[in-house]
Structures are given as structure tokens and as C-alpha cells.
Protein backbone atom coordinates (compact mmCIF):
# COMPACT_ATOMS: atom_id res chain seq x y z
CA UNK A 1 -45.97 -9.23 1.19
CA UNK A 2 -45.76 -5.76 2.63
CA UNK A 3 -44.51 -2.90 0.52
CA UNK A 4 -41.83 -0.67 2.01
CA UNK A 5 -42.70 2.94 2.54
CA UNK A 6 -40.99 5.29 0.14
CA UNK A 7 -39.19 7.12 2.95
CA UNK A 8 -37.71 3.89 4.31
CA UNK A 9 -36.67 2.85 0.82
CA UNK A 10 -35.19 6.29 0.18
CA UNK A 11 -33.19 6.19 3.40
CA UNK A 12 -31.99 2.69 2.61
CA UNK A 13 -30.91 3.72 -0.91
CA UNK A 14 -29.19 6.82 0.46
CA UNK A 15 -27.39 4.73 3.07
CA UNK A 16 -26.28 2.26 0.42
CA UNK A 17 -25.10 5.09 -1.87
CA UNK A 18 -23.20 6.74 0.98
CA UNK A 19 -21.55 3.46 1.98
CA UNK A 20 -20.48 2.81 -1.61
CA UNK A 21 -19.08 6.33 -2.05
CA UNK A 22 -17.17 6.13 1.24
CA UNK A 23 -15.82 2.73 0.25
CA UNK A 24 -14.67 4.13 -3.10
CA UNK A 25 -12.97 7.03 -1.33
CA UNK A 26 -11.17 4.70 1.07
CA UNK A 27 -10.01 2.46 -1.77
CA UNK A 28 -8.62 5.45 -3.70
CA UNK A 29 -6.95 6.77 -0.54
CA UNK A 30 -5.33 3.39 0.14
CA UNK A 31 -4.19 3.15 -3.45
CA UNK A 32 -2.63 6.60 -3.22
CA UNK A 33 -0.89 5.88 0.08
CA UNK A 34 0.47 2.59 -1.28
CA UNK A 35 1.90 4.45 -4.28
CA UNK A 36 3.46 7.06 -1.98
CA UNK A 37 5.02 4.32 0.16
CA UNK A 38 6.43 2.56 -2.89
CA UNK A 39 7.84 5.84 -4.23
CA UNK A 40 9.37 6.66 -0.83
CA UNK A 41 10.95 3.21 -0.62
CA UNK A 42 12.32 3.59 -4.14
CA UNK A 43 13.73 7.03 -3.28
CA UNK A 44 15.32 5.66 -0.12
CA UNK A 45 16.84 2.81 -2.08
CA UNK A 46 18.30 5.17 -4.67
CA UNK A 47 19.57 7.57 -2.01
CA UNK A 48 21.09 4.65 -0.10
CA UNK A 49 22.87 3.43 -3.21
CA UNK A 50 24.20 6.93 -3.89
CA UNK A 51 25.47 7.23 -0.32
CA UNK A 52 27.07 3.81 -0.58
CA UNK A 53 28.86 4.84 -3.80
CA UNK A 54 30.03 8.08 -2.19
CA UNK A 55 31.32 6.20 0.85
CA UNK A 56 33.08 3.69 -1.38
CA UNK A 57 34.77 6.45 -3.39
CA UNK A 58 35.88 8.13 -0.14
CA UNK A 59 37.36 4.85 1.08
CA UNK A 60 39.20 4.39 -2.21
CA UNK A 61 40.60 7.94 -2.04
CA UNK A 62 41.79 7.37 1.53
CA UNK A 63 43.51 4.13 0.48
CA UNK A 64 45.17 5.90 -2.44
CA UNK A 65 46.43 8.65 -0.13
CA UNK A 66 47.83 6.07 2.28
CA UNK A 67 49.59 4.27 -0.58
CA UNK A 68 51.09 7.55 -1.82
CA UNK A 69 52.57 8.38 1.58
């Protein structure tokens, strides 16, 4: 069995460390972007509901005006 040279082993360990740190970064980035997407969807849902309520109240006011006339 041949022993690896220390420089080869060092480069291999550095490469492994770098790969793991990049992978951790990507996972955190994905997690953050998924949270942002979920928050944006929630905001859009809330804003959509508010708009729908406003539209409904406008419709009701128009109907009331028509009934009054």
C-alpha cells in the first residue's frame, strides 16, 4: 500500500472542505430564497384579499346608490 504524499492529501482535504462549505452556502441560500418566496406569496394573498374586500364594498355601495335613486 502506497502512502499519499502530504501535499496531495492536503489538496484533497482542502477540496473536500471547500466543497462542503460551498454546499452549506447553497443550502442556506436556497432556504432563504424559499422563505422569501413563501413570504411574497403570503403578502400577495393578503393584498389580494384586501383588494377583493375593497372591490366588494365598492360594488355594494354602487348597488345601494342605484336602489336609492
